[in-house]
Every structure is written in C-alpha cells, then in structure tokens.
C-alpha cells in the first residue's frame, strides 16, 4: 500500500514522503490516526505542486537549522546529577534532562528530536546525543554528566 505521510513517523519517514507499507499498518494505524493518506494519482499531483511551492521556504528553514546546529556544536553541556556509590547515578539522565539543559543554555529544542545514544544514562561520564533539527540537518552533541554538589 502506497501512502503519503502527513506527519513525521518514527522509523518510517518524514512529512510528505511517499512510502510503501503493509496494508494492515496503513489501514489500521496510519490512515485512521491522521498520519497518512492514500497515494492516489491526484494526491501525488497535489503533493508535487505543494513541494514545488514550498522549495524556497524550505531553503530558509534549512539555513536556520544549520545556524542552530553551529550554535549547538559550540555549547559545552554539563548535567549535574546525584551520585551513589562509585559513579552510579540515582535515577538516570535522558532526553528530557538534556532538553532542559539546552533550554538553560539558550537553545530550546523539543525533547522528541533528541536521541541520547544508548537510551537512559546511568553513570557519570561523557556521552553523545543526536539532535534532529530538520530532516536534512542532524547534529551530534557531546555532553557530560557530573556529580551534583
């Protein structure tokens, strides 16, 4: 089944992508959830026209995302966390904590666009996170977890 995505779908594609999925997934999840529409001939023509009109606006958005990526690379993020025996944390540090640390540093990034390598971090040390600013712009952000005083 061929569908046109109306929203970004994790692991499948981005908005306005034409994707092929199994019939049940499309019929029972994507279409009723408003995440996709059937890719008919007329829908594909409308999509092509919309993409053509949006190309200029898209360039401006990509340039802004590149500027944000450059600003993020210049940041040095340190997250303070309570530590138990050794270097084990009480609890864990995840994308929500990293989003809060970025907000304190002046960069507001939505937590759903942040992917901490390895999921939840449970020890002190240096780690990396991948931040998706745009479908074409991703940035690897190194961050460090330090002991709270």
C-alpha atoms as a PDB file:
ATOM      1  CA  UNK A   1       0.000   0.000   0.000  1.00  0.00           C
ATOM      2  CA  UNK A   2       1.396   3.358  -1.019  1.00  0.00           C
ATOM      3  CA  UNK A   3       0.766   6.295   1.316  1.00  0.00           C
ATOM      4  CA  UNK A   4       1.697   9.966   1.616  1.00  0.00           C
ATOM      5  CA  UNK A   5       2.738  10.868   5.157  1.00  0.00           C
ATOM      6  CA  UNK A   6       1.027  13.884   6.707  1.00  0.00           C
ATOM      7  CA  UNK A   7       3.326  13.885   9.787  1.00  0.00           C
ATOM      8  CA  UNK A   8       6.793  12.580  10.638  1.00  0.00           C
ATOM      9  CA  UNK A   9       6.539   8.908  11.635  1.00  0.00           C
ATOM     10  CA  UNK A  10       9.467   7.491  13.634  1.00  0.00           C
ATOM     11  CA  UNK A  11      11.209   4.719  11.708  1.00  0.00           C
ATOM     12  CA  UNK A  12       9.097   5.204   8.579  1.00  0.00           C
ATOM     13  CA  UNK A  13       9.615   8.631   7.069  1.00  0.00           C
ATOM     14  CA  UNK A  14       9.090  12.362   7.172  1.00  0.00           C
ATOM     15  CA  UNK A  15       6.132  14.556   6.321  1.00  0.00           C
ATOM     16  CA  UNK A  16       5.194  14.487   2.601  1.00  0.00           C
ATOM     17  CA  UNK A  17       7.217  11.329   1.893  1.00  0.00           C
ATOM     18  CA  UNK A  18       5.602   8.678  -0.297  1.00  0.00           C
ATOM     19  CA  UNK A  19       6.112   5.348   1.486  1.00  0.00           C
ATOM     20  CA  UNK A  20       5.089   1.757   0.916  1.00  0.00           C
ATOM     21  CA  UNK A  21       3.748  -0.077   3.953  1.00  0.00           C
ATOM     22  CA  UNK A  22       1.842  -3.274   4.637  1.00  0.00           C
ATOM     23  CA  UNK A  23      -1.902  -2.981   4.136  1.00  0.00           C
ATOM     24  CA  UNK A  24      -2.833  -3.570   7.783  1.00  0.00           C
ATOM     25  CA  UNK A  25      -0.375  -0.972   9.119  1.00  0.00           C
ATOM     26  CA  UNK A  26      -1.688   1.649   6.730  1.00  0.00           C
ATOM     27  CA  UNK A  27      -5.386   0.820   7.064  1.00  0.00           C
ATOM     28  CA  UNK A  28      -5.473   0.267  10.831  1.00  0.00           C
ATOM     29  CA  UNK A  29      -2.894   2.729  12.188  1.00  0.00           C
ATOM     30  CA  UNK A  30      -1.601   5.389   9.796  1.00  0.00           C
ATOM     31  CA  UNK A  31      -4.786   6.444   7.969  1.00  0.00           C
ATOM     32  CA  UNK A  32      -7.199   6.419  10.967  1.00  0.00           C
ATOM     33  CA  UNK A  33      -4.605   8.217  13.101  1.00  0.00           C
ATOM     34  CA  UNK A  34      -4.382  11.029  10.551  1.00  0.00           C
ATOM     35  CA  UNK A  35      -0.704  10.286   9.931  1.00  0.00           C
ATOM     36  CA  UNK A  36      -1.096   9.425   6.239  1.00  0.00           C
ATOM     37  CA  UNK A  37      -3.407   9.486   3.218  1.00  0.00           C
ATOM     38  CA  UNK A  38      -3.660   7.136   0.252  1.00  0.00           C
ATOM     39  CA  UNK A  39      -1.208   7.972  -2.528  1.00  0.00           C
ATOM     40  CA  UNK A  40      -3.644   8.219  -5.428  1.00  0.00           C
ATOM     41  CA  UNK A  41      -2.642   9.793  -8.730  1.00  0.00           C
ATOM     42  CA  UNK A  42      -4.396  13.051  -7.904  1.00  0.00           C
ATOM     43  CA  UNK A  43      -2.918  13.151  -4.385  1.00  0.00           C
ATOM     44  CA  UNK A  44       0.574  12.698  -5.852  1.00  0.00           C
ATOM     45  CA  UNK A  45      -0.017  15.614  -8.265  1.00  0.00           C
ATOM     46  CA  UNK A  46      -1.169  17.854  -5.420  1.00  0.00           C
ATOM     47  CA  UNK A  47       1.862  16.791  -3.371  1.00  0.00           C
ATOM     48  CA  UNK A  48       4.255  17.570  -6.248  1.00  0.00           C
ATOM     49  CA  UNK A  49       2.748  21.045  -6.653  1.00  0.00           C
ATOM     50  CA  UNK A  50       2.919  21.737  -2.905  1.00  0.00           C
ATOM     51  CA  UNK A  51       6.555  20.603  -2.744  1.00  0.00           C
ATOM     52  CA  UNK A  52       7.448  22.837  -5.683  1.00  0.00           C
ATOM     53  CA  UNK A  53       5.887  25.861  -3.979  1.00  0.00           C
ATOM     54  CA  UNK A  54       7.488  25.010  -0.643  1.00  0.00           C
ATOM     55  CA  UNK A  55      11.042  24.543  -2.002  1.00  0.00           C
ATOM     56  CA  UNK A  56      12.008  28.201  -1.496  1.00  0.00           C
ATOM     57  CA  UNK A  57      10.625  28.339   2.054  1.00  0.00           C
ATOM     58  CA  UNK A  58      12.368  25.043   2.822  1.00  0.00           C
ATOM     59  CA  UNK A  59      15.773  26.501   1.937  1.00  0.00           C
ATOM     60  CA  UNK A  60      15.307  29.248   4.521  1.00  0.00           C
ATOM     61  CA  UNK A  61      14.298  26.687   7.180  1.00  0.00           C
ATOM     62  CA  UNK A  62      17.340  24.513   6.392  1.00  0.00           C
ATOM     63  CA  UNK A  63      19.628  27.550   6.691  1.00  0.00           C
ATOM     64  CA  UNK A  64      18.133  28.353  10.113  1.00  0.00           C
ATOM     65  CA  UNK A  65      18.618  24.726  11.181  1.00  0.00           C
ATOM     66  CA  UNK A  66      22.262  24.872  10.044  1.00  0.00           C
ATOM     67  CA  UNK A  67      22.780  28.032  12.115  1.00  0.00           C
ATOM     68  CA  UNK A  68      21.233  26.336  15.157  1.00  0.00           C
ATOM     69  CA  UNK A  69      23.468  23.292  14.579  1.00  0.00           C
ATOM     70  CA  UNK A  70      26.543  25.522  14.558  1.00  0.00           C
ATOM     71  CA  UNK A  71      25.410  27.159  17.801  1.00  0.00           C
ATOM     72  CA  UNK A  72      24.795  23.745  19.400  1.00  0.00           C
ATOM     73  CA  UNK A  73      28.266  22.496  18.466  1.00  0.00           C
ATOM     74  CA  UNK A  74      29.771  25.462  20.305  1.00  0.00           C
ATOM     75  CA  UNK A  75      27.936  24.594  23.539  1.00  0.00           C
ATOM     76  CA  UNK A  76      29.508  22.621  26.350  1.00  0.00           C
ATOM     77  CA  UNK A  77      26.694  20.889  28.219  1.00  0.00           C
ATOM     78  CA  UNK A  78      27.236  19.557  31.728  1.00  0.00           C
ATOM     79  CA  UNK A  79      24.368  17.947  33.613  1.00  0.00           C
ATOM     80  CA  UNK A  80      24.651  17.655  37.384  1.00  0.00           C
ATOM     81  CA  UNK A  81      23.110  14.513  38.893  1.00  0.00           C
ATOM     82  CA  UNK A  82      23.054  12.870  42.300  1.00  0.00           C
ATOM     83  CA  UNK A  83      25.602  10.081  42.566  1.00  0.00           C
ATOM     84  CA  UNK A  84      25.630   6.983  44.744  1.00  0.00           C
ATOM     85  CA  UNK A  85      28.441   4.506  45.297  1.00  0.00           C
ATOM     86  CA  UNK A  86      31.129   4.732  42.629  1.00  0.00           C
ATOM     87  CA  UNK A  87      29.917   6.583  39.577  1.00  0.00           C
ATOM     88  CA  UNK A  88      26.324   5.250  39.535  1.00  0.00           C
ATOM     89  CA  UNK A  89      23.533   7.824  39.386  1.00  0.00           C
ATOM     90  CA  UNK A  90      20.386   7.911  41.469  1.00  0.00           C
ATOM     91  CA  UNK A  91      17.895   7.572  38.630  1.00  0.00           C
ATOM     92  CA  UNK A  92      19.013   8.319  35.092  1.00  0.00           C
ATOM     93  CA  UNK A  93      19.606  11.098  32.596  1.00  0.00           C
ATOM     94  CA  UNK A  94      17.630  11.062  29.346  1.00  0.00           C
ATOM     95  CA  UNK A  95      16.469  13.312  26.507  1.00  0.00           C
ATOM     96  CA  UNK A  96      14.160  15.305  28.812  1.00  0.00           C
ATOM     97  CA  UNK A  97      17.064  16.275  31.077  1.00  0.00           C
ATOM     98  CA  UNK A  98      19.184  17.177  28.062  1.00  0.00           C
ATOM     99  CA  UNK A  99      16.366  19.337  26.633  1.00  0.00           C
ATOM    100  CA  UNK A 100      16.177  21.200  29.968  1.00  0.00           C
ATOM    101  CA  UNK A 101      19.962  21.711  29.994  1.00  0.00           C
ATOM    102  CA  UNK A 102      19.827  23.066  26.433  1.00  0.00           C
ATOM    103  CA  UNK A 103      16.992  25.428  27.411  1.00  0.00           C
ATOM    104  CA  UNK A 104      19.143  26.795  30.255  1.00  0.00           C
ATOM    105  CA  UNK A 105      21.924  27.327  27.700  1.00  0.00           C
ATOM    106  CA  UNK A 106      19.548  29.325  25.483  1.00  0.00           C
ATOM    107  CA  UNK A 107      18.661  26.708  22.865  1.00  0.00           C
ATOM    108  CA  UNK A 108      15.094  25.415  23.099  1.00  0.00           C
ATOM    109  CA  UNK A 109      14.953  22.016  21.398  1.00  0.00           C
ATOM    110  CA  UNK A 110      11.906  19.768  21.739  1.00  0.00           C
ATOM    111  CA  UNK A 111      12.696  16.569  23.637  1.00  0.00           C
ATOM    112  CA  UNK A 112      11.259  14.358  20.888  1.00  0.00           C
ATOM    113  CA  UNK A 113      14.008  15.496  18.496  1.00  0.00           C
ATOM    114  CA  UNK A 114      16.779  14.481  20.921  1.00  0.00           C
ATOM    115  CA  UNK A 115      18.048  10.912  20.894  1.00  0.00           C
ATOM    116  CA  UNK A 116      20.540  10.058  23.630  1.00  0.00           C
ATOM    117  CA  UNK A 117      22.919   7.349  22.431  1.00  0.00           C
ATOM    118  CA  UNK A 118      22.223   4.226  24.487  1.00  0.00           C
ATOM    119  CA  UNK A 119      18.903   5.484  25.872  1.00  0.00           C
ATOM    120  CA  UNK A 120      18.939   6.368  29.558  1.00  0.00           C
ATOM    121  CA  UNK A 121      22.362   7.170  31.008  1.00  0.00           C
ATOM    122  CA  UNK A 122      23.006   5.762  34.484  1.00  0.00           C
ATOM    123  CA  UNK A 123      26.688   6.578  35.109  1.00  0.00           C
ATOM    124  CA  UNK A 124      28.924   9.636  35.241  1.00  0.00           C
ATOM    125  CA  UNK A 125      30.976  10.433  32.167  1.00  0.00           C
ATOM    126  CA  UNK A 126      30.899  11.833  28.661  1.00  0.00           C
ATOM    127  CA  UNK A 127      28.153  10.837  26.221  1.00  0.00           C
ATOM    128  CA  UNK A 128      26.697  11.959  22.914  1.00  0.00           C
ATOM    129  CA  UNK A 129      23.190  12.701  21.738  1.00  0.00           C
ATOM    130  CA  UNK A 130      21.885  13.071  18.204  1.00  0.00           C
ATOM    131  CA  UNK A 131      19.625  16.071  17.692  1.00  0.00           C
ATOM    132  CA  UNK A 132      17.444  16.217  14.575  1.00  0.00           C
ATOM    133  CA  UNK A 133      16.783  19.860  13.716  1.00  0.00           C
ATOM    134  CA  UNK A 134      15.414  19.160  10.232  1.00  0.00           C
ATOM    135  CA  UNK A 135      15.087  16.109   8.020  1.00  0.00           C
ATOM    136  CA  UNK A 136      18.386  17.088   6.385  1.00  0.00           C
ATOM    137  CA  UNK A 137      20.133  18.530   9.454  1.00  0.00           C
ATOM    138  CA  UNK A 138      21.246  16.424  12.394  1.00  0.00           C
ATOM    139  CA  UNK A 139      23.958  17.261  14.886  1.00  0.00           C
ATOM    140  CA  UNK A 140      25.871  15.117  17.366  1.00  0.00           C
ATOM    141  CA  UNK A 141      26.017  16.892  20.702  1.00  0.00           C
ATOM    142  CA  UNK A 142      28.586  15.761  23.276  1.00  0.00           C
ATOM    143  CA  UNK A 143      27.551  16.233  26.882  1.00  0.00           C
ATOM    144  CA  UNK A 144      28.964  15.308  30.269  1.00  0.00           C
ATOM    145  CA  UNK A 145      27.258  14.086  33.408  1.00  0.00           C
ATOM    146  CA  UNK A 146      28.929  15.373  36.567  1.00  0.00           C
ATOM    147  CA  UNK A 147      28.300  14.763  40.259  1.00  0.00           C
ATOM    148  CA  UNK A 148      25.969  17.259  41.913  1.00  0.00           C
ATOM    149  CA  UNK A 149      27.447  19.049  44.887  1.00  0.00           C
END
